Amino acid sequence: MSSSFHTPVLRDESVKFLVSDSDGTYVDGTLGGGGHAQAICERLGTKGRLIGLDADEDALRAATRRLEKYAEHVTFVHSNFRYLRAELARLGVGRVSGILLDLGVSSYQIDEESKGFSFRGDEKIDMRMDRRQALTGWDVVNSYDVDRLAEVIWKYGEERNSRRIARRLVDARPVQTTGALAAVVESAVGKKFLVKTLARVFQAIRIEVNDELRSLEQVLTDSVELIAPGGRIVVIAYHSLEDRIVKMFFRNASLDRIPSGHKYVPDTVVFPTLRILTKSPVLASEEEVAHNPRARSAKMRVAERLAIVTKMMG
């Protein structure tokens, strides 16, 4: 199954930024099929350690097989990266040398029929990364009222026809499969730009089901306390909602002063806590995009943890 997982995007670039100490402890918060993790392991020394998290149990199994030769250096954790602080505490790990996050959904997850991520099939509307959670895509589509459903499609899909689509979905209930969902969306907006509209609607429902943006905000907030000075956080984002959060967090955490209560920065830290290492996001080369089309939309941002310097805030 590991071969079914997507080719790691910006593999060499991300790991080159991430691994600054071969004997350090690193976190891959989105283990997937283990592509980035394998590249990290190849750079580890005898004392180096990798902690890999994934909410998808299938991905975790695939990564375990792929990284079998590095087993003594790797700890596998079935968990969402939003719980990274608690998982590190459970493992007795203090500060780490770096954190890698490769966001979004993998090509394997899109292609896996039982997960219901794709609008090209006719599957149950599931969309859960972690099958242990209760909320599914079916619940969102069939139980949210028009206002709430329209808000999800607009906020997480940036779809201008969100209310029309939401109203049509409510009227068509029960909507049982991804094929039926796609058909209802088509009835609301027509065939023009349908593929892009479907991509936005399915993205919105998936983000809502998995609480993806709040999870990202949480791990970014925690990262400033979990990464040792000189350690780095590397984030690869694939759509503007994720990239905007990462960009703003890095920017605000690198300033000398932050307005109290800023959305993306905790009140308790002392600023600045990060130094941005990528003035502009790192993009995939034309060669990589030709080999792996998924890389086309990828934007990688990197920041380094600074030593805490106390400042008078007045």
C-alpha atoms as a PDB file:
ATOM      1  CA  MET A   1       0.000   0.000   0.000  1.00  0.00           C
ATOM      2  CA  SER A   2       2.878   2.398   0.650  1.00  0.00           C
ATOM      3  CA  SER A   3       3.481   2.713  -3.069  1.00  0.00           C
ATOM      4  CA  SER A   4      -0.045   4.111  -3.425  1.00  0.00           C
ATOM      5  CA  PHE A   5       0.719   7.126  -1.281  1.00  0.00           C
ATOM      6  CA  HIS A   6       1.715  10.337  -3.013  1.00  0.00           C
ATOM      7  CA  THR A   7       5.285  11.151  -3.937  1.00  0.00           C
ATOM      8  CA  PRO A   8       6.564  13.508  -1.223  1.00  0.00           C
ATOM      9  CA  VAL A   9       6.447  17.116  -2.401  1.00  0.00           C
ATOM     10  CA  LEU A  10       9.571  19.283  -1.978  1.00  0.00           C
ATOM     11  CA  ARG A  11      11.213  16.269  -0.354  1.00  0.00           C
ATOM     12  CA  ASP A  12      14.855  17.350  -0.524  1.00  0.00           C
ATOM     13  CA  GLU A  13      14.170  21.046   0.061  1.00  0.00           C
ATOM     14  CA  SER A  14      12.050  20.447   3.162  1.00  0.00           C
ATOM     15  CA  VAL A  15      14.403  17.962   4.800  1.00  0.00           C
ATOM     16  CA  LYS A  16      17.455  20.128   4.098  1.00  0.00           C
ATOM     17  CA  PHE A  17      15.808  22.951   6.048  1.00  0.00           C
ATOM     18  CA  LEU A  18      14.496  20.675   8.784  1.00  0.00           C
ATOM     19  CA  VAL A  19      17.467  18.543   9.813  1.00  0.00           C
ATOM     20  CA  SER A  20      20.129  20.785  11.329  1.00  0.00           C
ATOM     21  CA  ASP A  21      21.388  18.254  13.909  1.00  0.00           C
ATOM     22  CA  SER A  22      21.714  14.631  12.821  1.00  0.00           C
ATOM     23  CA  ASP A  23      21.385  13.476  16.435  1.00  0.00           C
ATOM     24  CA  GLY A  24      18.298  15.578  17.130  1.00  0.00           C
ATOM     25  CA  THR A  25      14.683  14.558  17.671  1.00  0.00           C
ATOM     26  CA  TYR A  26      12.311  15.482  14.846  1.00  0.00           C
ATOM     27  CA  VAL A  27       8.559  15.333  14.335  1.00  0.00           C
ATOM     28  CA  ASP A  28       6.795  14.484  11.094  1.00  0.00           C
ATOM     29  CA  GLY A  29       3.272  15.556  11.984  1.00  0.00           C
ATOM     30  CA  THR A  30       1.783  14.280   8.719  1.00  0.00           C
ATOM     31  CA  LEU A  31       3.485  10.935   8.243  1.00  0.00           C
ATOM     32  CA  GLY A  32       1.387   9.774   5.295  1.00  0.00           C
ATOM     33  CA  GLY A  33       3.135   6.983   3.408  1.00  0.00           C
ATOM     34  CA  GLY A  34       6.468   7.916   4.973  1.00  0.00           C
ATOM     35  CA  GLY A  35       8.130   9.662   2.039  1.00  0.00           C
ATOM     36  CA  HIS A  36       9.385  12.704   3.915  1.00  0.00           C
ATOM     37  CA  ALA A  37      10.049  10.554   6.977  1.00  0.00           C
ATOM     38  CA  GLN A  38      12.344   8.270   4.998  1.00  0.00           C
ATOM     39  CA  ALA A  39      14.344  11.279   3.810  1.00  0.00           C
ATOM     40  CA  ILE A  40      14.620  12.495   7.416  1.00  0.00           C
ATOM     41  CA  CYS A  41      15.760   9.073   8.619  1.00  0.00           C
ATOM     42  CA  GLU A  42      18.452   8.988   5.947  1.00  0.00           C
ATOM     43  CA  ARG A  43      19.972  12.098   7.549  1.00  0.00           C
ATOM     44  CA  LEU A  44      19.797  10.925  11.160  1.00  0.00           C
ATOM     45  CA  GLY A  45      22.851   9.941  13.166  1.00  0.00           C
ATOM     46  CA  THR A  46      23.071   7.108  15.678  1.00  0.00           C
ATOM     47  CA  LYS A  47      21.289   9.160  18.354  1.00  0.00           C
ATOM     48  CA  GLY A  48      18.762  10.748  16.007  1.00  0.00           C
ATOM     49  CA  ARG A  49      15.055  10.116  16.493  1.00  0.00           C
ATOM     50  CA  LEU A  50      11.891  10.660  14.481  1.00  0.00           C
ATOM     51  CA  ILE A  51       8.383  10.816  15.918  1.00  0.00           C
ATOM     52  CA  GLY A  52       5.780  10.331  13.201  1.00  0.00           C
ATOM     53  CA  LEU A  53       2.102  11.184  13.638  1.00  0.00           C
ATOM     54  CA  ASP A  54      -0.864  10.530  11.404  1.00  0.00           C
ATOM     55  CA  ALA A  55      -4.599  10.525  12.064  1.00  0.00           C
ATOM     56  CA  ASP A  56      -5.110   7.992   9.258  1.00  0.00           C
ATOM     57  CA  GLU A  57      -4.447   4.463  10.492  1.00  0.00           C
ATOM     58  CA  ASP A  58      -3.958   3.162   6.931  1.00  0.00           C
ATOM     59  CA  ALA A  59      -1.227   5.739   6.357  1.00  0.00           C
ATOM     60  CA  LEU A  60       0.432   4.798   9.616  1.00  0.00           C
ATOM     61  CA  ARG A  61       0.557   1.131   8.622  1.00  0.00           C
ATOM     62  CA  ALA A  62       2.039   1.998   5.229  1.00  0.00           C
ATOM     63  CA  ALA A  63       4.694   4.210   6.815  1.00  0.00           C
ATOM     64  CA  THR A  64       5.568   1.515   9.346  1.00  0.00           C
ATOM     65  CA  ARG A  65       6.352  -0.894   6.511  1.00  0.00           C
ATOM     66  CA  ARG A  66       8.280   1.679   4.508  1.00  0.00           C
ATOM     67  CA  LEU A  67      10.441   2.699   7.469  1.00  0.00           C
ATOM     68  CA  GLU A  68      11.070  -0.813   8.793  1.00  0.00           C
ATOM     69  CA  LYS A  69      14.850  -0.519   8.341  1.00  0.00           C
ATOM     70  CA  TYR A  70      14.843   2.610  10.545  1.00  0.00           C
ATOM     71  CA  ALA A  71      12.584   1.117  13.238  1.00  0.00           C
ATOM     72  CA  GLU A  72      15.034   1.734  16.088  1.00  0.00           C
ATOM     73  CA  HIS A  73      14.963   5.476  15.336  1.00  0.00           C
ATOM     74  CA  VAL A  74      11.216   5.942  14.712  1.00  0.00           C
ATOM     75  CA  THR A  75       8.209   6.177  17.027  1.00  0.00           C
ATOM     76  CA  PHE A  76       4.817   5.884  15.309  1.00  0.00           C
ATOM     77  CA  VAL A  77       1.821   7.685  16.831  1.00  0.00           C
ATOM     78  CA  HIS A  78      -1.808   7.349  15.705  1.00  0.00           C
ATOM     79  CA  SER A  79      -2.919  10.911  16.407  1.00  0.00           C
ATOM     80  CA  ASN A  80      -3.703  14.264  14.823  1.00  0.00           C
ATOM     81  CA  PHE A  81      -0.882  16.806  14.994  1.00  0.00           C
ATOM     82  CA  ARG A  82      -3.154  19.150  16.934  1.00  0.00           C
ATOM     83  CA  TYR A  83      -2.430  16.889  19.920  1.00  0.00           C
ATOM     84  CA  LEU A  84       1.340  17.024  19.443  1.00  0.00           C
ATOM     85  CA  ARG A  85       1.986  18.685  22.802  1.00  0.00           C
ATOM     86  CA  ALA A  86       0.129  15.931  24.665  1.00  0.00           C
ATOM     87  CA  GLU A  87       1.713  13.145  22.617  1.00  0.00           C
ATOM     88  CA  LEU A  88       5.243  14.411  23.257  1.00  0.00           C
ATOM     89  CA  ALA A  89       4.467  14.673  26.968  1.00  0.00           C
ATOM     90  CA  ARG A  90       3.124  11.109  26.934  1.00  0.00           C
ATOM     91  CA  LEU A  91       6.371   9.937  25.308  1.00  0.00           C
ATOM     92  CA  GLY A  92       8.476  11.866  27.810  1.00  0.00           C
ATOM     93  CA  VAL A  93       9.972  14.029  25.068  1.00  0.00           C
ATOM     94  CA  GLY A  94      11.013  17.582  25.895  1.00  0.00           C
ATOM     95  CA  ARG A  95      11.811  20.080  23.178  1.00  0.00           C
ATOM     96  CA  VAL A  96      12.411  18.777  19.668  1.00  0.00           C
ATOM     97  CA  SER A  97      14.851  19.847  16.963  1.00  0.00           C
ATOM     98  CA  GLY A  98      12.228  20.426  14.296  1.00  0.00           C
ATOM     99  CA  ILE A  99       8.668  19.847  13.096  1.00  0.00           C
ATOM    100  CA  LEU A 100       7.540  19.059   9.539  1.00  0.00           C
ATOM    101  CA  LEU A 101       3.930  19.460   8.390  1.00  0.00           C
ATOM    102  CA  ASP A 102       2.885  18.433   4.871  1.00  0.00           C
ATOM    103  CA  LEU A 103      -0.741  19.556   4.902  1.00  0.00           C
ATOM    104  CA  GLY A 104      -3.824  18.495   3.024  1.00  0.00           C
ATOM    105  CA  VAL A 105      -5.063  15.173   1.715  1.00  0.00           C
ATOM    106  CA  SER A 106      -2.889  12.621  -0.074  1.00  0.00           C
ATOM    107  CA  SER A 107      -3.581  11.174  -3.505  1.00  0.00           C
ATOM    108  CA  TYR A 108      -3.997   7.782  -1.810  1.00  0.00           C
ATOM    109  CA  GLN A 109      -6.742   9.149   0.431  1.00  0.00           C
ATOM    110  CA  ILE A 110      -8.503  10.720  -2.551  1.00  0.00           C
ATOM    111  CA  ASP A 111      -8.337   7.455  -4.488  1.00  0.00           C
ATOM    112  CA  GLU A 112      -9.378   5.232  -1.559  1.00  0.00           C
ATOM    113  CA  GLU A 113     -13.082   4.598  -2.187  1.00  0.00           C
ATOM    114  CA  SER A 114     -14.070   4.021   1.430  1.00  0.00           C
ATOM    115  CA  LYS A 115     -12.892   7.483   2.495  1.00  0.00           C
ATOM    116  CA  GLY A 116     -15.247   9.467   0.253  1.00  0.00           C
ATOM    117  CA  PHE A 117     -12.860  12.356  -0.453  1.00  0.00           C
ATOM    118  CA  SER A 118     -13.319  12.349  -4.235  1.00  0.00           C
ATOM    119  CA  PHE A 119     -16.192  13.728  -6.292  1.00  0.00           C
ATOM    120  CA  ARG A 120     -15.258  11.429  -9.186  1.00  0.00           C
ATOM    121  CA  GLY A 121     -16.678   8.260  -7.615  1.00  0.00           C
ATOM    122  CA  ASP A 122     -19.922   7.225  -5.955  1.00  0.00           C
ATOM    123  CA  GLU A 123     -19.022   6.401  -2.385  1.00  0.00           C
ATOM    124  CA  LYS A 124     -20.296   6.990   1.107  1.00  0.00           C
ATOM    125  CA  ILE A 125     -19.729  10.615   2.156  1.00  0.00           C
ATOM    126  CA  ASP A 126     -17.239   9.898   4.931  1.00  0.00           C
ATOM    127  CA  MET A 127     -14.219  12.243   4.630  1.00  0.00           C
ATOM    128  CA  ARG A 128     -12.766  11.407   8.047  1.00  0.00           C
ATOM    129  CA  MET A 129      -8.989  11.241   8.332  1.00  0.00           C
ATOM    130  CA  ASP A 130      -9.426   9.457  11.660  1.00  0.00           C
ATOM    131  CA  ARG A 131     -12.145   6.815  11.693  1.00  0.00           C
ATOM    132  CA  ARG A 132     -12.349   7.041  15.486  1.00  0.00           C
ATOM    133  CA  GLN A 133     -14.095  10.413  15.349  1.00  0.00           C
ATOM    134  CA  ALA A 134     -17.867  10.680  15.131  1.00  0.00           C
ATOM    135  CA  LEU A 135     -18.533  13.518  12.653  1.00  0.00           C
ATOM    136  CA  THR A 136     -18.603  12.496   8.972  1.00  0.00           C
ATOM    137  CA  GLY A 137     -19.182  14.299   5.698  1.00  0.00           C
ATOM    138  CA  TRP A 138     -22.620  12.686   5.566  1.00  0.00           C
ATOM    139  CA  ASP A 139     -23.487  14.404   8.849  1.00  0.00           C
ATOM    140  CA  VAL A 140     -22.401  17.795   7.524  1.00  0.00           C
ATOM    141  CA  VAL A 141     -24.340  17.431   4.274  1.00  0.00           C
ATOM    142  CA  ASN A 142     -27.479  15.976   5.834  1.00  0.00           C
ATOM    143  CA  SER A 143     -27.801  17.597   9.263  1.00  0.00           C
ATOM    144  CA  TYR A 144     -26.488  21.182   9.025  1.00  0.00           C
ATOM    145  CA  ASP A 145     -29.116  23.852   8.395  1.00  0.00           C
ATOM    146  CA  VAL A 146     -28.856  26.070   5.313  1.00  0.00           C
ATOM    147  CA  ASP A 147     -27.047  28.913   7.070  1.00  0.00           C
ATOM    148  CA  ARG A 148     -24.453  26.673   8.692  1.00  0.00           C
ATOM    149  CA  LEU A 149     -23.857  24.636   5.542  1.00  0.00           C
ATOM    150  CA  ALA A 150     -23.521  27.775   3.413  1.00  0.00           C
ATOM    151  CA  GLU A 151     -21.023  29.189   5.901  1.00  0.00           C
ATOM    152  CA  VAL A 152     -18.894  26.029   5.703  1.00  0.00           C
ATOM    153  CA  ILE A 153     -18.863  26.073   1.893  1.00  0.00           C
ATOM    154  CA  TRP A 154     -18.022  29.784   1.804  1.00  0.00           C
ATOM    155  CA  LYS A 155     -15.504  29.864   4.647  1.00  0.00           C
ATOM    156  CA  TYR A 156     -13.588  26.702   3.805  1.00  0.00           C
ATOM    157  CA  GLY A 157     -14.199  26.488   0.051  1.00  0.00           C
ATOM    158  CA  GLU A 158     -14.334  30.189  -0.837  1.00  0.00           C
ATOM    159  CA  GLU A 159     -17.216  29.281  -3.129  1.00  0.00           C
ATOM    160  CA  ARG A 160     -19.320  32.281  -4.179  1.00  0.00           C
ATOM    161  CA  ASN A 161     -22.401  30.135  -4.853  1.00  0.00           C
ATOM    162  CA  SER A 162     -22.308  28.705  -1.341  1.00  0.00           C
ATOM    163  CA  ARG A 163     -25.861  29.632  -0.346  1.00  0.00           C
ATOM    164  CA  ARG A 164     -27.421  28.358  -3.554  1.00  0.00           C
ATOM    165  CA  ILE A 165     -25.551  25.065  -3.205  1.00  0.00           C
ATOM    166  CA  ALA A 166     -26.476  24.757   0.479  1.00  0.00           C
ATOM    167  CA  ARG A 167     -30.155  25.367  -0.237  1.00  0.00           C
ATOM    168  CA  ARG A 168     -30.157  22.772  -3.022  1.00  0.00           C
ATOM    169  CA  LEU A 169     -28.449  20.209  -0.782  1.00  0.00           C
ATOM    170  CA  VAL A 170     -30.964  20.718   2.019  1.00  0.00           C
ATOM    171  CA  ASP A 171     -33.851  20.359  -0.433  1.00  0.00           C
ATOM    172  CA  ALA A 172     -32.360  17.139  -1.858  1.00  0.00           C
ATOM    173  CA  ARG A 173     -31.888  15.326   1.457  1.00  0.00           C
ATOM    174  CA  PRO A 174     -30.997  12.644   2.164  1.00  0.00           C
ATOM    175  CA  VAL A 175     -27.862  12.907   0.007  1.00  0.00           C
ATOM    176  CA  GLN A 176     -26.295   9.490   0.474  1.00  0.00           C
ATOM    177  CA  THR A 177     -23.177   9.286  -1.733  1.00  0.00           C
ATOM    178  CA  THR A 178     -20.413  11.430  -3.201  1.00  0.00           C
ATOM    179  CA  GLY A 179     -21.923  10.899  -6.636  1.00  0.00           C
ATOM    180  CA  ALA A 180     -25.283  12.191  -5.443  1.00  0.00           C
ATOM    181  CA  LEU A 181     -23.551  15.133  -3.760  1.00  0.00           C
ATOM    182  CA  ALA A 182     -21.764  16.022  -7.000  1.00  0.00           C
ATOM    183  CA  ALA A 183     -25.038  15.777  -8.929  1.00  0.00           C
ATOM    184  CA  VAL A 184     -26.800  18.162  -6.536  1.00  0.00           C
ATOM    185  CA  VAL A 185     -23.949  20.677  -6.804  1.00  0.00           C
ATOM    186  CA  GLU A 186     -24.160  20.455 -10.603  1.00  0.00           C
ATOM    187  CA  SER A 187     -27.913  21.092 -10.453  1.00  0.00           C
ATOM    188  CA  ALA A 188     -27.200  24.251  -8.453  1.00  0.00           C
ATOM    189  CA  VAL A 189     -24.404  25.762 -10.568  1.00  0.00           C
ATOM    190  CA  GLY A 190     -24.498  24.061 -13.971  1.00  0.00           C
ATOM    191  CA  LYS A 191     -21.620  22.520 -15.908  1.00  0.00           C
ATOM    192  CA  LYS A 192     -19.482  25.641 -16.392  1.00  0.00           C
ATOM    193  CA  PHE A 193     -16.468  25.524 -14.050  1.00  0.00           C
ATOM    194  CA  LEU A 194     -18.122  22.484 -12.412  1.00  0.00           C
ATOM    195  CA  VAL A 195     -14.882  20.650 -11.606  1.00  0.00           C
ATOM    196  CA  LYS A 196     -13.450  23.654  -9.742  1.00  0.00           C
ATOM    197  CA  THR A 197     -16.734  24.169  -7.895  1.00  0.00           C
ATOM    198  CA  LEU A 198     -16.874  20.518  -6.869  1.00  0.00           C
ATOM    199  CA  ALA A 199     -13.269  20.686  -5.675  1.00  0.00           C
ATOM    200  CA  ARG A 200     -14.110  23.702  -3.502  1.00  0.00           C
ATOM    201  CA  VAL A 201     -17.268  22.132  -2.047  1.00  0.00           C
ATOM    202  CA  PHE A 202     -15.579  18.811  -1.244  1.00  0.00           C
ATOM    203  CA  GLN A 203     -12.595  20.661   0.241  1.00  0.00           C
ATOM    204  CA  ALA A 204     -14.912  22.696   2.451  1.00  0.00           C
ATOM    205  CA  ILE A 205     -16.738  19.647   3.789  1.00  0.00           C
ATOM    206  CA  ARG A 206     -13.452  17.795   4.389  1.00  0.00           C
ATOM    207  CA  ILE A 207     -11.970  20.734   6.296  1.00  0.00           C
ATOM    208  CA  GLU A 208     -15.105  20.985   8.435  1.00  0.00           C
ATOM    209  CA  VAL A 209     -15.162  17.255   9.194  1.00  0.00           C
ATOM    210  CA  ASN A 210     -11.500  17.128  10.214  1.00  0.00           C
ATOM    211  CA  ASP A 211     -11.337  20.606  11.780  1.00  0.00           C
ATOM    212  CA  GLU A 212      -8.202  21.127   9.709  1.00  0.00           C
ATOM    213  CA  LEU A 213      -7.636  24.852  10.093  1.00  0.00           C
ATOM    214  CA  ARG A 214      -8.091  24.933  13.852  1.00  0.00           C
ATOM    215  CA  SER A 215      -5.771  21.928  14.082  1.00  0.00           C
ATOM    216  CA  LEU A 216      -3.149  23.869  12.125  1.00  0.00           C
ATOM    217  CA  GLU A 217      -3.568  26.934  14.325  1.00  0.00           C
ATOM    218  CA  GLN A 218      -3.168  24.762  17.428  1.00  0.00           C
ATOM    219  CA  VAL A 219       0.042  23.030  16.341  1.00  0.00           C
ATOM    220  CA  LEU A 220       1.589  26.314  15.187  1.00  0.00           C
ATOM    221  CA  THR A 221       0.782  27.911  18.528  1.00  0.00           C
ATOM    222  CA  ASP A 222       2.254  24.955  20.411  1.00  0.00           C
ATOM    223  CA  SER A 223       5.317  24.734  18.180  1.00  0.00           C
ATOM    224  CA  VAL A 224       7.012  27.779  19.703  1.00  0.00           C
ATOM    225  CA  GLU A 225       7.159  25.963  23.035  1.00  0.00           C
ATOM    226  CA  LEU A 226       7.913  22.510  21.630  1.00  0.00           C
ATOM    227  CA  ILE A 227      10.874  23.423  19.397  1.00  0.00           C
ATOM    228  CA  ALA A 228      14.268  24.078  20.960  1.00  0.00           C
ATOM    229  CA  PRO A 229      16.132  27.300  20.072  1.00  0.00           C
ATOM    230  CA  GLY A 230      17.739  26.822  16.668  1.00  0.00           C
ATOM    231  CA  GLY A 231      15.168  24.199  15.694  1.00  0.00           C
ATOM    232  CA  ARG A 232      12.887  24.728  12.734  1.00  0.00           C
ATOM    233  CA  ILE A 233       9.300  24.330  11.676  1.00  0.00           C
ATOM    234  CA  VAL A 234       8.712  23.481   8.011  1.00  0.00           C
ATOM    235  CA  VAL A 235       5.173  23.712   6.619  1.00  0.00           C
ATOM    236  CA  ILE A 236       4.014  22.750   3.119  1.00  0.00           C
ATOM    237  CA  ALA A 237       0.540  24.098   2.271  1.00  0.00           C
ATOM    238  CA  TYR A 238      -1.583  23.447  -0.796  1.00  0.00           C
ATOM    239  CA  HIS A 239      -4.349  26.033  -0.673  1.00  0.00           C
ATOM    240  CA  SER A 240      -4.642  29.664   0.309  1.00  0.00           C
ATOM    241  CA  LEU A 241      -6.536  29.088   3.569  1.00  0.00           C
ATOM    242  CA  GLU A 242      -3.704  27.011   5.047  1.00  0.00           C
ATOM    243  CA  ASP A 243      -0.919  29.122   3.599  1.00  0.00           C
ATOM    244  CA  ARG A 244      -2.493  32.327   4.910  1.00  0.00           C
ATOM    245  CA  ILE A 245      -2.542  30.945   8.459  1.00  0.00           C
ATOM    246  CA  VAL A 246       1.101  29.843   8.258  1.00  0.00           C
ATOM    247  CA  LYS A 247       2.241  33.118   6.708  1.00  0.00           C
ATOM    248  CA  MET A 248       0.481  35.249   9.314  1.00  0.00           C
ATOM    249  CA  PHE A 249       1.649  33.119  12.227  1.00  0.00           C
ATOM    250  CA  PHE A 250       5.281  33.243  11.117  1.00  0.00           C
ATOM    251  CA  ARG A 251       5.094  36.975  10.426  1.00  0.00           C
ATOM    252  CA  ASN A 252       3.519  37.863  13.748  1.00  0.00           C
ATOM    253  CA  ALA A 253       5.735  35.540  15.786  1.00  0.00           C
ATOM    254  CA  SER A 254       8.801  37.188  14.232  1.00  0.00           C
ATOM    255  CA  LEU A 255       7.820  40.717  15.269  1.00  0.00           C
ATOM    256  CA  ASP A 256       9.073  42.529  18.365  1.00  0.00           C
ATOM    257  CA  ARG A 257       5.552  43.412  19.475  1.00  0.00           C
ATOM    258  CA  ILE A 258       2.193  41.784  18.885  1.00  0.00           C
ATOM    259  CA  PRO A 259      -1.215  43.239  19.776  1.00  0.00           C
ATOM    260  CA  SER A 260      -2.575  41.391  22.824  1.00  0.00           C
ATOM    261  CA  GLY A 261      -4.904  38.543  21.970  1.00  0.00           C
ATOM    262  CA  HIS A 262      -3.822  38.169  18.340  1.00  0.00           C
ATOM    263  CA  LYS A 263      -5.689  35.230  16.805  1.00  0.00           C
ATOM    264  CA  TYR A 264      -2.669  33.216  15.732  1.00  0.00           C
ATOM    265  CA  VAL A 265      -0.248  33.920  18.581  1.00  0.00           C
ATOM    266  CA  PRO A 266      -0.650  32.989  22.257  1.00  0.00           C
ATOM    267  CA  ASP A 267      -0.583  35.773  24.849  1.00  0.00           C
ATOM    268  CA  THR A 268       1.946  34.005  27.062  1.00  0.00           C
ATOM    269  CA  VAL A 269       5.025  33.918  24.823  1.00  0.00           C
ATOM    270  CA  VAL A 270       7.721  36.575  24.652  1.00  0.00           C
ATOM    271  CA  PHE A 271       8.408  38.069  21.215  1.00  0.00           C
ATOM    272  CA  PRO A 272      10.012  37.544  18.833  1.00  0.00           C
ATOM    273  CA  THR A 273      10.014  33.749  19.000  1.00  0.00           C
ATOM    274  CA  LEU A 274      10.656  32.902  15.349  1.00  0.00           C
ATOM    275  CA  ARG A 275      12.966  34.000  12.556  1.00  0.00           C
ATOM    276  CA  ILE A 276      11.585  33.499   9.057  1.00  0.00           C
ATOM    277  CA  LEU A 277      14.037  31.639   6.811  1.00  0.00           C
ATOM    278  CA  THR A 278      11.974  31.812   3.611  1.00  0.00           C
ATOM    279  CA  LYS A 279      11.277  35.417   2.627  1.00  0.00           C
ATOM    280  CA  SER A 280       9.011  34.061  -0.114  1.00  0.00           C
ATOM    281  CA  PRO A 281       7.517  30.573  -0.113  1.00  0.00           C
ATOM    282  CA  VAL A 282       9.594  27.835  -1.698  1.00  0.00           C
ATOM    283  CA  LEU A 283       7.875  26.399  -4.775  1.00  0.00           C
ATOM    284  CA  ALA A 284       8.400  23.135  -6.601  1.00  0.00           C
ATOM    285  CA  SER A 285      10.609  23.204  -9.684  1.00  0.00           C
ATOM    286  CA  GLU A 286       9.153  22.740 -13.162  1.00  0.00           C
ATOM    287  CA  GLU A 287      10.824  19.336 -13.254  1.00  0.00           C
ATOM    288  CA  GLU A 288       9.130  18.233 -10.033  1.00  0.00           C
ATOM    289  CA  VAL A 289       5.733  19.499 -11.184  1.00  0.00           C
ATOM    290  CA  ALA A 290       6.111  17.579 -14.454  1.00  0.00           C
ATOM    291  CA  HIS A 291       6.851  14.418 -12.479  1.00  0.00           C
ATOM    292  CA  ASN A 292       4.329  15.089  -9.699  1.00  0.00           C
ATOM    293  CA  PRO A 293       1.458  17.452 -10.662  1.00  0.00           C
ATOM    294  CA  ARG A 294       0.327  17.671  -7.015  1.00  0.00           C
ATOM    295  CA  ALA A 295       3.426  19.781  -6.348  1.00  0.00           C
ATOM    296  CA  ARG A 296       2.124  22.624  -8.526  1.00  0.00           C
ATOM    297  CA  SER A 297       0.108  24.254  -5.741  1.00  0.00           C
ATOM    298  CA  ALA A 298       2.596  23.589  -2.924  1.00  0.00           C
ATOM    299  CA  LYS A 299       4.074  26.471  -0.932  1.00  0.00           C
ATOM    300  CA  MET A 300       6.710  25.761   1.688  1.00  0.00           C
ATOM    301  CA  ARG A 301       7.478  28.184   4.509  1.00  0.00           C
ATOM    302  CA  VAL A 302      10.188  27.732   7.136  1.00  0.00           C
ATOM    303  CA  ALA A 303      10.901  29.474  10.435  1.00  0.00           C
ATOM    304  CA  GLU A 304      13.582  28.982  13.079  1.00  0.00           C
ATOM    305  CA  ARG A 305      12.974  29.060  16.816  1.00  0.00           C
ATOM    306  CA  LEU A 306      14.824  31.874  18.548  1.00  0.00           C
ATOM    307  CA  ALA A 307      16.152  31.862  22.080  1.00  0.00           C
ATOM    308  CA  ILE A 308      13.739  33.606  24.438  1.00  0.00           C
ATOM    309  CA  VAL A 309      14.700  37.201  25.091  1.00  0.00           C
ATOM    310  CA  THR A 310      12.724  39.077  27.734  1.00  0.00           C
ATOM    311  CA  LYS A 311      11.478  42.483  26.610  1.00  0.00           C
ATOM    312  CA  MET A 312       9.694  45.248  28.470  1.00  0.00           C
ATOM    313  CA  MET A 313       6.286  45.536  26.837  1.00  0.00           C
ATOM    314  CA  GLY A 314       5.234  49.088  27.375  1.00  0.00           C
END
